[in-house]
Amino acid sequence: MSKVLTIGEAMGLLIAEEIGPLEDVEHFSRHVCGAELNYAVGMARLGNDVSYISKVGVDPFGKCICNFLKANGIHDDYVWTDDDHMTGFQMKEKVLEGDPTVANIRKHTAFSHF
């Protein structure tokens, strides 16, 4: 088993449950996202000892991300919380074909003040 350390912005993700522009969608499912977070999950599933470095807000998405890390066996010793800035998030359209529109809400987030 190898030791893995990665750093990145973990974010909340709201995926539309119905087709249509994001501004018209009424129902979303909640997830977490972030390229480095996905990598950390994959490495943990392969049996590696994984630690993740990030900063999240003291908000529902931040708490969800911390719970997700623990549930996936990823050490969160280096995940700091920020009382003054929110966790970033994305909203993703549901489409039948082509690429979905993704809205990123990341300005002035906890991680941007890392």
PDB file of N, CA and C in Angstrom:
ATOM      1  N   MET A   1       0.848  -1.173   0.000  1.00  0.00           N
ATOM      2  CA  MET A   1       0.000   0.000   0.000  1.00  0.00           C
ATOM      3  C   MET A   1       0.895   1.238   0.000  1.00  0.00           C
ATOM      4  N   SER A   2       0.572   2.190  -0.866  1.00  0.00           N
ATOM      5  CA  SER A   2       1.307   3.442  -0.967  1.00  0.00           C
ATOM      6  C   SER A   2       0.591   4.548  -0.209  1.00  0.00           C
ATOM      7  N   LYS A   3       1.367   5.546   0.174  1.00  0.00           N
ATOM      8  CA  LYS A   3       0.787   6.746   0.767  1.00  0.00           C
ATOM      9  C   LYS A   3       0.572   7.761  -0.348  1.00  0.00           C
ATOM     10  N   VAL A   4      -0.615   8.349  -0.385  1.00  0.00           N
ATOM     11  CA  VAL A   4      -0.981   9.312  -1.422  1.00  0.00           C
ATOM     12  C   VAL A   4      -1.446  10.590  -0.743  1.00  0.00           C
ATOM     13  N   LEU A   5      -0.960  11.722  -1.234  1.00  0.00           N
ATOM     14  CA  LEU A   5      -1.369  13.031  -0.742  1.00  0.00           C
ATOM     15  C   LEU A   5      -1.769  13.872  -1.950  1.00  0.00           C
ATOM     16  N   THR A   6      -2.963  14.435  -1.908  1.00  0.00           N
ATOM     17  CA  THR A   6      -3.409  15.281  -3.018  1.00  0.00           C
ATOM     18  C   THR A   6      -4.089  16.523  -2.448  1.00  0.00           C
ATOM     19  N   ILE A   7      -4.082  17.575  -3.255  1.00  0.00           N
ATOM     20  CA  ILE A   7      -4.664  18.852  -2.843  1.00  0.00           C
ATOM     21  C   ILE A   7      -5.613  19.329  -3.935  1.00  0.00           C
ATOM     22  N   GLY A   8      -6.747  19.890  -3.535  1.00  0.00           N
ATOM     23  CA  GLY A   8      -7.671  20.420  -4.527  1.00  0.00           C
ATOM     24  C   GLY A   8      -8.912  20.997  -3.891  1.00  0.00           C
ATOM     25  N   GLU A   9      -9.734  21.600  -4.728  1.00  0.00           N
ATOM     26  CA  GLU A   9     -10.994  22.182  -4.263  1.00  0.00           C
ATOM     27  C   GLU A   9     -12.112  21.171  -4.393  1.00  0.00           C
ATOM     28  N   ALA A  10     -12.561  20.654  -3.269  1.00  0.00           N
ATOM     29  CA  ALA A  10     -13.753  19.809  -3.252  1.00  0.00           C
ATOM     30  C   ALA A  10     -14.962  20.734  -3.268  1.00  0.00           C
ATOM     31  N   MET A  11     -15.968  20.367  -4.038  1.00  0.00           N
ATOM     32  CA  MET A  11     -17.155  21.219  -4.169  1.00  0.00           C
ATOM     33  C   MET A  11     -18.426  20.395  -4.036  1.00  0.00           C
ATOM     34  N   GLY A  12     -19.490  21.096  -3.713  1.00  0.00           N
ATOM     35  CA  GLY A  12     -20.801  20.487  -3.774  1.00  0.00           C
ATOM     36  C   GLY A  12     -21.231  20.425  -5.235  1.00  0.00           C
ATOM     37  N   LEU A  13     -22.095  19.488  -5.546  1.00  0.00           N
ATOM     38  CA  LEU A  13     -22.591  19.336  -6.916  1.00  0.00           C
ATOM     39  C   LEU A  13     -24.087  19.079  -6.866  1.00  0.00           C
ATOM     40  N   LEU A  14     -24.836  19.904  -7.571  1.00  0.00           N
ATOM     41  CA  LEU A  14     -26.276  19.713  -7.706  1.00  0.00           C
ATOM     42  C   LEU A  14     -26.553  19.314  -9.147  1.00  0.00           C
ATOM     43  N   ILE A  15     -27.063  18.095  -9.341  1.00  0.00           N
ATOM     44  CA  ILE A  15     -27.351  17.583 -10.680  1.00  0.00           C
ATOM     45  C   ILE A  15     -28.856  17.635 -10.909  1.00  0.00           C
ATOM     46  N   ALA A  16     -29.249  18.282 -12.001  1.00  0.00           N
ATOM     47  CA  ALA A  16     -30.670  18.404 -12.325  1.00  0.00           C
ATOM     48  C   ALA A  16     -31.291  17.020 -12.495  1.00  0.00           C
ATOM     49  N   GLU A  17     -32.488  16.862 -11.983  1.00  0.00           N
ATOM     50  CA  GLU A  17     -33.200  15.600 -12.126  1.00  0.00           C
ATOM     51  C   GLU A  17     -34.185  15.633 -13.289  1.00  0.00           C
ATOM     52  N   GLU A  18     -34.297  16.793 -13.919  1.00  0.00           N
ATOM     53  CA  GLU A  18     -35.164  16.902 -15.081  1.00  0.00           C
ATOM     54  C   GLU A  18     -34.430  17.667 -16.174  1.00  0.00           C
ATOM     55  N   ILE A  19     -34.807  17.414 -17.389  1.00  0.00           N
ATOM     56  CA  ILE A  19     -34.180  18.056 -18.544  1.00  0.00           C
ATOM     57  C   ILE A  19     -34.684  19.487 -18.663  1.00  0.00           C
ATOM     58  N   GLY A  20     -33.773  20.385 -19.003  1.00  0.00           N
ATOM     59  CA  GLY A  20     -34.138  21.777 -19.200  1.00  0.00           C
ATOM     60  C   GLY A  20     -33.059  22.694 -18.669  1.00  0.00           C
ATOM     61  N   PRO A  21     -33.186  23.981 -18.987  1.00  0.00           N
ATOM     62  CA  PRO A  21     -32.201  24.951 -18.494  1.00  0.00           C
ATOM     63  C   PRO A  21     -32.175  24.968 -16.968  1.00  0.00           C
ATOM     64  N   LEU A  22     -31.009  25.197 -16.403  1.00  0.00           N
ATOM     65  CA  LEU A  22     -30.856  25.182 -14.948  1.00  0.00           C
ATOM     66  C   LEU A  22     -31.820  26.123 -14.245  1.00  0.00           C
ATOM     67  N   GLU A  23     -32.077  27.269 -14.854  1.00  0.00           N
ATOM     68  CA  GLU A  23     -32.962  28.240 -14.204  1.00  0.00           C
ATOM     69  C   GLU A  23     -34.415  27.759 -14.115  1.00  0.00           C
ATOM     70  N   ASP A  24     -34.763  26.725 -14.889  1.00  0.00           N
ATOM     71  CA  ASP A  24     -36.123  26.195 -14.865  1.00  0.00           C
ATOM     72  C   ASP A  24     -36.263  24.908 -14.059  1.00  0.00           C
ATOM     73  N   VAL A  25     -35.148  24.310 -13.687  1.00  0.00           N
ATOM     74  CA  VAL A  25     -35.172  23.029 -12.972  1.00  0.00           C
ATOM     75  C   VAL A  25     -35.591  23.250 -11.525  1.00  0.00           C
ATOM     76  N   GLU A  26     -36.472  22.377 -11.034  1.00  0.00           N
ATOM     77  CA  GLU A  26     -36.949  22.480  -9.656  1.00  0.00           C
ATOM     78  C   GLU A  26     -36.356  21.425  -8.736  1.00  0.00           C
ATOM     79  N   HIS A  27     -35.849  20.323  -9.282  1.00  0.00           N
ATOM     80  CA  HIS A  27     -35.350  19.232  -8.442  1.00  0.00           C
ATOM     81  C   HIS A  27     -33.928  18.847  -8.833  1.00  0.00           C
ATOM     82  N   PHE A  28     -33.084  18.737  -7.829  1.00  0.00           N
ATOM     83  CA  PHE A  28     -31.685  18.384  -8.021  1.00  0.00           C
ATOM     84  C   PHE A  28     -31.310  17.276  -7.051  1.00  0.00           C
ATOM     85  N   SER A  29     -30.314  16.475  -7.418  1.00  0.00           N
ATOM     86  CA  SER A  29     -29.725  15.533  -6.473  1.00  0.00           C
ATOM     87  C   SER A  29     -28.370  16.092  -6.047  1.00  0.00           C
ATOM     88  N   ARG A  30     -28.022  15.875  -4.800  1.00  0.00           N
ATOM     89  CA  ARG A  30     -26.800  16.443  -4.240  1.00  0.00           C
ATOM     90  C   ARG A  30     -25.668  15.420  -4.280  1.00  0.00           C
ATOM     91  N   HIS A  31     -24.477  15.885  -4.683  1.00  0.00           N
ATOM     92  CA  HIS A  31     -23.279  15.057  -4.758  1.00  0.00           C
ATOM     93  C   HIS A  31     -22.086  15.925  -4.357  1.00  0.00           C
ATOM     94  N   VAL A  32     -20.892  15.366  -4.461  1.00  0.00           N
ATOM     95  CA  VAL A  32     -19.667  16.140  -4.303  1.00  0.00           C
ATOM     96  C   VAL A  32     -18.844  15.966  -5.575  1.00  0.00           C
ATOM     97  N   CYS A  33     -17.948  16.917  -5.823  1.00  0.00           N
ATOM     98  CA  CYS A  33     -17.137  16.824  -7.029  1.00  0.00           C
ATOM     99  C   CYS A  33     -15.798  17.519  -6.824  1.00  0.00           C
ATOM    100  N   GLY A  34     -14.946  17.358  -7.788  1.00  0.00           N
ATOM    101  CA  GLY A  34     -13.608  17.937  -7.785  1.00  0.00           C
ATOM    102  C   GLY A  34     -12.647  16.905  -8.347  1.00  0.00           C
ATOM    103  N   ALA A  35     -11.835  17.302  -9.319  1.00  0.00           N
ATOM    104  CA  ALA A  35     -10.932  16.356  -9.988  1.00  0.00           C
ATOM    105  C   ALA A  35     -10.019  15.637  -9.001  1.00  0.00           C
ATOM    106  N   GLU A  36      -9.393  16.385  -8.104  1.00  0.00           N
ATOM    107  CA  GLU A  36      -8.473  15.771  -7.149  1.00  0.00           C
ATOM    108  C   GLU A  36      -9.213  14.907  -6.134  1.00  0.00           C
ATOM    109  N   LEU A  37     -10.446  15.287  -5.826  1.00  0.00           N
ATOM    110  CA  LEU A  37     -11.264  14.467  -4.936  1.00  0.00           C
ATOM    111  C   LEU A  37     -11.585  13.132  -5.609  1.00  0.00           C
ATOM    112  N   ASN A  38     -11.929  13.175  -6.879  1.00  0.00           N
ATOM    113  CA  ASN A  38     -12.183  11.936  -7.624  1.00  0.00           C
ATOM    114  C   ASN A  38     -10.942  11.041  -7.630  1.00  0.00           C
ATOM    115  N   TYR A  39      -9.785  11.653  -7.825  1.00  0.00           N
ATOM    116  CA  TYR A  39      -8.519  10.915  -7.802  1.00  0.00           C
ATOM    117  C   TYR A  39      -8.299  10.274  -6.435  1.00  0.00           C
ATOM    118  N   ALA A  40      -8.532  11.035  -5.374  1.00  0.00           N
ATOM    119  CA  ALA A  40      -8.347  10.522  -4.019  1.00  0.00           C
ATOM    120  C   ALA A  40      -9.255   9.319  -3.762  1.00  0.00           C
ATOM    121  N   VAL A  41     -10.495   9.400  -4.219  1.00  0.00           N
ATOM    122  CA  VAL A  41     -11.436   8.278  -4.040  1.00  0.00           C
ATOM    123  C   VAL A  41     -10.924   7.048  -4.778  1.00  0.00           C
ATOM    124  N   GLY A  42     -10.489   7.234  -6.012  1.00  0.00           N
ATOM    125  CA  GLY A  42      -9.976   6.105  -6.792  1.00  0.00           C
ATOM    126  C   GLY A  42      -8.767   5.460  -6.140  1.00  0.00           C
ATOM    127  N   MET A  43      -7.849   6.288  -5.651  1.00  0.00           N
ATOM    128  CA  MET A  43      -6.650   5.755  -5.002  1.00  0.00           C
ATOM    129  C   MET A  43      -6.997   5.023  -3.713  1.00  0.00           C
ATOM    130  N   ALA A  44      -7.969   5.545  -2.954  1.00  0.00           N
ATOM    131  CA  ALA A  44      -8.394   4.868  -1.724  1.00  0.00           C
ATOM    132  C   ALA A  44      -9.049   3.532  -2.054  1.00  0.00           C
ATOM    133  N   ARG A  45      -9.851   3.499  -3.100  1.00  0.00           N
ATOM    134  CA  ARG A  45     -10.520   2.247  -3.487  1.00  0.00           C
ATOM    135  C   ARG A  45      -9.522   1.191  -3.949  1.00  0.00           C
ATOM    136  N   LEU A  46      -8.362   1.636  -4.407  1.00  0.00           N
ATOM    137  CA  LEU A  46      -7.308   0.702  -4.811  1.00  0.00           C
ATOM    138  C   LEU A  46      -6.463   0.243  -3.621  1.00  0.00           C
ATOM    139  N   GLY A  47      -6.822   0.702  -2.420  1.00  0.00           N
ATOM    140  CA  GLY A  47      -6.161   0.233  -1.213  1.00  0.00           C
ATOM    141  C   GLY A  47      -5.031   1.106  -0.712  1.00  0.00           C
ATOM    142  N   ASN A  48      -4.882   2.291  -1.278  1.00  0.00           N
ATOM    143  CA  ASN A  48      -3.833   3.198  -0.835  1.00  0.00           C
ATOM    144  C   ASN A  48      -4.257   3.976   0.403  1.00  0.00           C
ATOM    145  N   ASP A  49      -3.274   4.470   1.130  1.00  0.00           N
ATOM    146  CA  ASP A  49      -3.482   5.301   2.314  1.00  0.00           C
ATOM    147  C   ASP A  49      -3.504   6.755   1.826  1.00  0.00           C
ATOM    148  N   VAL A  50      -4.697   7.350   1.739  1.00  0.00           N
ATOM    149  CA  VAL A  50      -4.872   8.636   1.067  1.00  0.00           C
ATOM    150  C   VAL A  50      -5.204   9.750   2.046  1.00  0.00           C
ATOM    151  N   SER A  51      -4.496  10.873   1.890  1.00  0.00           N
ATOM    152  CA  SER A  51      -4.806  12.102   2.627  1.00  0.00           C
ATOM    153  C   SER A  51      -5.142  13.184   1.606  1.00  0.00           C
ATOM    154  N   TYR A  52      -6.059  14.048   1.997  1.00  0.00           N
ATOM    155  CA  TYR A  52      -6.548  15.095   1.100  1.00  0.00           C
ATOM    156  C   TYR A  52      -6.349  16.447   1.768  1.00  0.00           C
ATOM    157  N   ILE A  53      -5.876  17.421   1.007  1.00  0.00           N
ATOM    158  CA  ILE A  53      -5.671  18.786   1.496  1.00  0.00           C
ATOM    159  C   ILE A  53      -6.693  19.686   0.822  1.00  0.00           C
ATOM    160  N   SER A  54      -7.470  20.412   1.623  1.00  0.00           N
ATOM    161  CA  SER A  54      -8.459  21.328   1.053  1.00  0.00           C
ATOM    162  C   SER A  54      -8.953  22.273   2.141  1.00  0.00           C
ATOM    163  N   LYS A  55      -9.870  23.123   1.757  1.00  0.00           N
ATOM    164  CA  LYS A  55     -10.531  24.023   2.696  1.00  0.00           C
ATOM    165  C   LYS A  55     -11.983  24.150   2.260  1.00  0.00           C
ATOM    166  N   VAL A  56     -12.894  23.972   3.202  1.00  0.00           N
ATOM    167  CA  VAL A  56     -14.326  24.045   2.914  1.00  0.00           C
ATOM    168  C   VAL A  56     -14.983  25.004   3.894  1.00  0.00           C
ATOM    169  N   GLY A  57     -16.164  25.448   3.558  1.00  0.00           N
ATOM    170  CA  GLY A  57     -16.927  26.303   4.451  1.00  0.00           C
ATOM    171  C   GLY A  57     -17.611  25.497   5.534  1.00  0.00           C
ATOM    172  N   VAL A  58     -18.069  26.211   6.558  1.00  0.00           N
ATOM    173  CA  VAL A  58     -18.860  25.587   7.618  1.00  0.00           C
ATOM    174  C   VAL A  58     -20.321  25.705   7.171  1.00  0.00           C
ATOM    175  N   ASP A  59     -20.673  24.891   6.209  1.00  0.00           N
ATOM    176  CA  ASP A  59     -21.995  24.936   5.589  1.00  0.00           C
ATOM    177  C   ASP A  59     -22.379  23.510   5.197  1.00  0.00           C
ATOM    178  N   PRO A  60     -23.602  23.296   4.724  1.00  0.00           N
ATOM    179  CA  PRO A  60     -24.011  21.922   4.399  1.00  0.00           C
ATOM    180  C   PRO A  60     -23.112  21.222   3.387  1.00  0.00           C
ATOM    181  N   PHE A  61     -22.637  21.926   2.348  1.00  0.00           N
ATOM    182  CA  PHE A  61     -21.744  21.280   1.386  1.00  0.00           C
ATOM    183  C   PHE A  61     -20.413  20.918   2.041  1.00  0.00           C
ATOM    184  N   GLY A  62     -19.874  21.811   2.851  1.00  0.00           N
ATOM    185  CA  GLY A  62     -18.615  21.514   3.538  1.00  0.00           C
ATOM    186  C   GLY A  62     -18.740  20.301   4.437  1.00  0.00           C
ATOM    187  N   LYS A  63     -19.828  20.229   5.191  1.00  0.00           N
ATOM    188  CA  LYS A  63     -20.060  19.085   6.075  1.00  0.00           C
ATOM    189  C   LYS A  63     -20.256  17.810   5.264  1.00  0.00           C
ATOM    190  N   CYS A  64     -20.971  17.905   4.150  1.00  0.00           N
ATOM    191  CA  CYS A  64     -21.186  16.757   3.270  1.00  0.00           C
ATOM    192  C   CYS A  64     -19.857  16.234   2.729  1.00  0.00           C
ATOM    193  N   ILE A  65     -18.966  17.139   2.332  1.00  0.00           N
ATOM    194  CA  ILE A  65     -17.658  16.741   1.804  1.00  0.00           C
ATOM    195  C   ILE A  65     -16.843  16.037   2.880  1.00  0.00           C
ATOM    196  N   CYS A  66     -16.826  16.574   4.088  1.00  0.00           N
ATOM    197  CA  CYS A  66     -16.086  15.931   5.182  1.00  0.00           C
ATOM    198  C   CYS A  66     -16.636  14.536   5.467  1.00  0.00           C
ATOM    199  N   ASN A  67     -17.945  14.391   5.471  1.00  0.00           N
ATOM    200  CA  ASN A  67     -18.561  13.075   5.671  1.00  0.00           C
ATOM    201  C   ASN A  67     -18.211  12.126   4.532  1.00  0.00           C
ATOM    202  N   PHE A  68     -18.194  12.649   3.302  1.00  0.00           N
ATOM    203  CA  PHE A  68     -17.859  11.847   2.121  1.00  0.00           C
ATOM    204  C   PHE A  68     -16.421  11.328   2.210  1.00  0.00           C
ATOM    205  N   LEU A  69     -15.502  12.190   2.630  1.00  0.00           N
ATOM    206  CA  LEU A  69     -14.102  11.766   2.772  1.00  0.00           C
ATOM    207  C   LEU A  69     -14.000  10.602   3.756  1.00  0.00           C
ATOM    208  N   LYS A  70     -14.620  10.754   4.913  1.00  0.00           N
ATOM    209  CA  LYS A  70     -14.569   9.700   5.929  1.00  0.00           C
ATOM    210  C   LYS A  70     -15.196   8.415   5.417  1.00  0.00           C
ATOM    211  N   ALA A  71     -16.332   8.524   4.734  1.00  0.00           N
ATOM    212  CA  ALA A  71     -17.026   7.344   4.216  1.00  0.00           C
ATOM    213  C   ALA A  71     -16.192   6.605   3.172  1.00  0.00           C
ATOM    214  N   ASN A  72     -15.282   7.326   2.517  1.00  0.00           N
ATOM    215  CA  ASN A  72     -14.448   6.719   1.487  1.00  0.00           C
ATOM    216  C   ASN A  72     -13.038   6.398   1.977  1.00  0.00           C
ATOM    217  N   GLY A  73     -12.820   6.489   3.287  1.00  0.00           N
ATOM    218  CA  GLY A  73     -11.542   6.116   3.860  1.00  0.00           C
ATOM    219  C   GLY A  73     -10.404   7.065   3.537  1.00  0.00           C
ATOM    220  N   ILE A  74     -10.722   8.332   3.324  1.00  0.00           N
ATOM    221  CA  ILE A  74      -9.719   9.348   3.001  1.00  0.00           C
ATOM    222  C   ILE A  74      -9.489  10.202   4.237  1.00  0.00           C
ATOM    223  N   HIS A  75      -8.227  10.344   4.629  1.00  0.00           N
ATOM    224  CA  HIS A  75      -7.888  11.133   5.814  1.00  0.00           C
ATOM    225  C   HIS A  75      -8.195  12.607   5.553  1.00  0.00           C
ATOM    226  N   ASP A  76      -8.834  13.242   6.520  1.00  0.00           N
ATOM    227  CA  ASP A  76      -9.194  14.655   6.377  1.00  0.00           C
ATOM    228  C   ASP A  76      -8.455  15.539   7.387  1.00  0.00           C
ATOM    229  N   ASP A  77      -7.301  15.062   7.864  1.00  0.00           N
ATOM    230  CA  ASP A  77      -6.514  15.829   8.834  1.00  0.00           C
ATOM    231  C   ASP A  77      -6.097  17.193   8.292  1.00  0.00           C
ATOM    232  N   TYR A  78      -5.988  17.305   6.975  1.00  0.00           N
ATOM    233  CA  TYR A  78      -5.541  18.546   6.337  1.00  0.00           C
ATOM    234  C   TYR A  78      -6.675  19.266   5.603  1.00  0.00           C
ATOM    235  N   VAL A  79      -7.892  19.001   6.009  1.00  0.00           N
ATOM    236  CA  VAL A  79      -9.051  19.721   5.455  1.00  0.00           C
ATOM    237  C   VAL A  79      -9.492  20.726   6.514  1.00  0.00           C
ATOM    238  N   TRP A  80      -9.276  21.988   6.211  1.00  0.00           N
ATOM    239  CA  TRP A  80      -9.615  23.056   7.135  1.00  0.00           C
ATOM    240  C   TRP A  80     -11.007  23.584   6.834  1.00  0.00           C
ATOM    241  N   THR A  81     -11.640  24.154   7.851  1.00  0.00           N
ATOM    242  CA  THR A  81     -12.941  24.783   7.653  1.00  0.00           C
ATOM    243  C   THR A  81     -12.799  26.294   7.802  1.00  0.00           C
ATOM    244  N   ASP A  82     -13.667  26.999   7.127  1.00  0.00           N
ATOM    245  CA  ASP A  82     -13.626  28.462   7.068  1.00  0.00           C
ATOM    246  C   ASP A  82     -14.994  28.993   7.500  1.00  0.00           C
ATOM    247  N   ASP A  83     -15.009  29.750   8.579  1.00  0.00           N
ATOM    248  CA  ASP A  83     -16.265  30.312   9.089  1.00  0.00           C
ATOM    249  C   ASP A  83     -16.780  31.475   8.243  1.00  0.00           C
ATOM    250  N   ASP A  84     -15.904  32.079   7.451  1.00  0.00           N
ATOM    251  CA  ASP A  84     -16.255  33.304   6.730  1.00  0.00           C
ATOM    252  C   ASP A  84     -16.581  33.122   5.253  1.00  0.00           C
ATOM    253  N   HIS A  85     -16.233  31.975   4.684  1.00  0.00           N
ATOM    254  CA  HIS A  85     -16.444  31.767   3.250  1.00  0.00           C
ATOM    255  C   HIS A  85     -17.108  30.420   3.001  1.00  0.00           C
ATOM    256  N   MET A  86     -17.973  30.384   2.007  1.00  0.00           N
ATOM    257  CA  MET A  86     -18.730  29.169   1.711  1.00  0.00           C
ATOM    258  C   MET A  86     -17.923  28.184   0.869  1.00  0.00           C
ATOM    259  N   THR A  87     -18.373  26.953   0.857  1.00  0.00           N
ATOM    260  CA  THR A  87     -17.836  25.924  -0.013  1.00  0.00           C
ATOM    261  C   THR A  87     -18.338  26.190  -1.432  1.00  0.00           C
ATOM    262  N   GLY A  88     -17.457  26.057  -2.404  1.00  0.00           N
ATOM    263  CA  GLY A  88     -17.873  26.221  -3.796  1.00  0.00           C
ATOM    264  C   GLY A  88     -18.796  25.096  -4.226  1.00  0.00           C
ATOM    265  N   PHE A  89     -19.577  25.354  -5.280  1.00  0.00           N
ATOM    266  CA  PHE A  89     -20.428  24.290  -5.802  1.00  0.00           C
ATOM    267  C   PHE A  89     -20.694  24.479  -7.289  1.00  0.00           C
ATOM    268  N   GLN A  90     -21.199  23.428  -7.882  1.00  0.00           N
ATOM    269  CA  GLN A  90     -21.568  23.417  -9.294  1.00  0.00           C
ATOM    270  C   GLN A  90     -23.016  22.983  -9.423  1.00  0.00           C
ATOM    271  N   MET A  91     -23.640  23.448 -10.506  1.00  0.00           N
ATOM    272  CA  MET A  91     -24.965  22.967 -10.896  1.00  0.00           C
ATOM    273  C   MET A  91     -24.810  22.416 -12.306  1.00  0.00           C
ATOM    274  N   LYS A  92     -25.343  21.221 -12.530  1.00  0.00           N
ATOM    275  CA  LYS A  92     -25.170  20.556 -13.824  1.00  0.00           C
ATOM    276  C   LYS A  92     -26.515  20.188 -14.421  1.00  0.00           C
ATOM    277  N   GLU A  93     -26.693  20.536 -15.700  1.00  0.00           N
ATOM    278  CA  GLU A  93     -27.925  20.203 -16.419  1.00  0.00           C
ATOM    279  C   GLU A  93     -28.024  18.701 -16.685  1.00  0.00           C
ATOM    280  N   LYS A  94     -29.235  18.246 -16.844  1.00  0.00           N
ATOM    281  CA  LYS A  94     -29.495  16.896 -17.332  1.00  0.00           C
ATOM    282  C   LYS A  94     -29.837  17.027 -18.807  1.00  0.00           C
ATOM    283  N   VAL A  95     -29.145  16.275 -19.658  1.00  0.00           N
ATOM    284  CA  VAL A  95     -29.380  16.342 -21.095  1.00  0.00           C
ATOM    285  C   VAL A  95     -29.545  14.934 -21.658  1.00  0.00           C
ATOM    286  N   LEU A  96     -30.201  14.845 -22.807  1.00  0.00           N
ATOM    287  CA  LEU A  96     -30.337  13.559 -23.488  1.00  0.00           C
ATOM    288  C   LEU A  96     -29.170  13.296 -24.426  1.00  0.00           C
ATOM    289  N   GLU A  97     -28.549  14.379 -24.910  1.00  0.00           N
ATOM    290  CA  GLU A  97     -27.381  14.236 -25.778  1.00  0.00           C
ATOM    291  C   GLU A  97     -26.522  15.487 -25.668  1.00  0.00           C
ATOM    292  N   GLY A  98     -25.271  15.345 -26.018  1.00  0.00           N
ATOM    293  CA  GLY A  98     -24.356  16.474 -25.947  1.00  0.00           C
ATOM    294  C   GLY A  98     -23.870  16.730 -24.532  1.00  0.00           C
ATOM    295  N   ASP A  99     -23.119  17.791 -24.390  1.00  0.00           N
ATOM    296  CA  ASP A  99     -22.545  18.156 -23.093  1.00  0.00           C
ATOM    297  C   ASP A  99     -23.522  19.016 -22.300  1.00  0.00           C
ATOM    298  N   PRO A 100     -23.687  18.713 -21.011  1.00  0.00           N
ATOM    299  CA  PRO A 100     -24.582  19.534 -20.179  1.00  0.00           C
ATOM    300  C   PRO A 100     -23.938  20.878 -19.852  1.00  0.00           C
ATOM    301  N   THR A 101     -24.758  21.872 -19.652  1.00  0.00           N
ATOM    302  CA  THR A 101     -24.278  23.156 -19.144  1.00  0.00           C
ATOM    303  C   THR A 101     -23.952  22.976 -17.665  1.00  0.00           C
ATOM    304  N   VAL A 102     -22.831  23.539 -17.248  1.00  0.00           N
ATOM    305  CA  VAL A 102     -22.410  23.478 -15.854  1.00  0.00           C
ATOM    306  C   VAL A 102     -22.186  24.907 -15.368  1.00  0.00           C
ATOM    307  N   ALA A 103     -22.819  25.254 -14.276  1.00  0.00           N
ATOM    308  CA  ALA A 103     -22.622  26.570 -13.661  1.00  0.00           C
ATOM    309  C   ALA A 103     -21.714  26.381 -12.452  1.00  0.00           C
ATOM    310  N   ASN A 104     -20.582  27.077 -12.446  1.00  0.00           N
ATOM    311  CA  ASN A 104     -19.629  27.011 -11.337  1.00  0.00           C
ATOM    312  C   ASN A 104     -19.817  28.214 -10.425  1.00  0.00           C
ATOM    313  N   ILE A 105     -20.024  27.955  -9.151  1.00  0.00           N
ATOM    314  CA  ILE A 105     -20.135  29.016  -8.156  1.00  0.00           C
ATOM    315  C   ILE A 105     -18.905  28.861  -7.260  1.00  0.00           C
ATOM    316  N   ARG A 106     -17.823  29.571  -7.622  1.00  0.00           N
ATOM    317  CA  ARG A 106     -16.525  29.355  -6.977  1.00  0.00           C
ATOM    318  C   ARG A 106     -15.831  30.649  -6.549  1.00  0.00           C
ATOM    319  N   LYS A 107     -16.391  31.789  -6.826  1.00  0.00           N
ATOM    320  CA  LYS A 107     -15.731  33.042  -6.488  1.00  0.00           C
ATOM    321  C   LYS A 107     -15.844  33.304  -4.986  1.00  0.00           C
ATOM    322  N   HIS A 108     -14.739  33.671  -4.371  1.00  0.00           N
ATOM    323  CA  HIS A 108     -14.667  33.993  -2.931  1.00  0.00           C
ATOM    324  C   HIS A 108     -15.054  32.815  -2.037  1.00  0.00           C
ATOM    325  N   THR A 109     -14.757  31.605  -2.481  1.00  0.00           N
ATOM    326  CA  THR A 109     -15.066  30.415  -1.688  1.00  0.00           C
ATOM    327  C   THR A 109     -13.977  30.168  -0.642  1.00  0.00           C
ATOM    328  N   ALA A 110     -14.240  29.238   0.241  1.00  0.00           N
ATOM    329  CA  ALA A 110     -13.264  28.884   1.275  1.00  0.00           C
ATOM    330  C   ALA A 110     -11.928  28.491   0.648  1.00  0.00           C
ATOM    331  N   PHE A 111     -11.965  27.654  -0.374  1.00  0.00           N
ATOM    332  CA  PHE A 111     -10.716  27.201  -0.989  1.00  0.00           C
ATOM    333  C   PHE A 111      -9.967  28.331  -1.657  1.00  0.00           C
ATOM    334  N   SER A 112     -10.679  29.303  -2.204  1.00  0.00           N
ATOM    335  CA  SER A 112      -9.993  30.443  -2.848  1.00  0.00           C
ATOM    336  C   SER A 112      -9.279  31.317  -1.810  1.00  0.00           C
ATOM    337  N   HIS A 113      -9.564  31.101  -0.531  1.00  0.00           N
ATOM    338  CA  HIS A 113      -8.906  31.841   0.543  1.00  0.00           C
ATOM    339  C   HIS A 113      -7.962  30.910   1.322  1.00  0.00           C
ATOM    340  N   PHE A 114      -7.500  29.878   0.662  1.00  0.00           N
ATOM    341  CA  PHE A 114      -6.622  28.878   1.278  1.00  0.00           C
ATOM    342  C   PHE A 114      -5.221  29.433   1.390  1.00  0.00           C
TER     343      PHE A 114
END
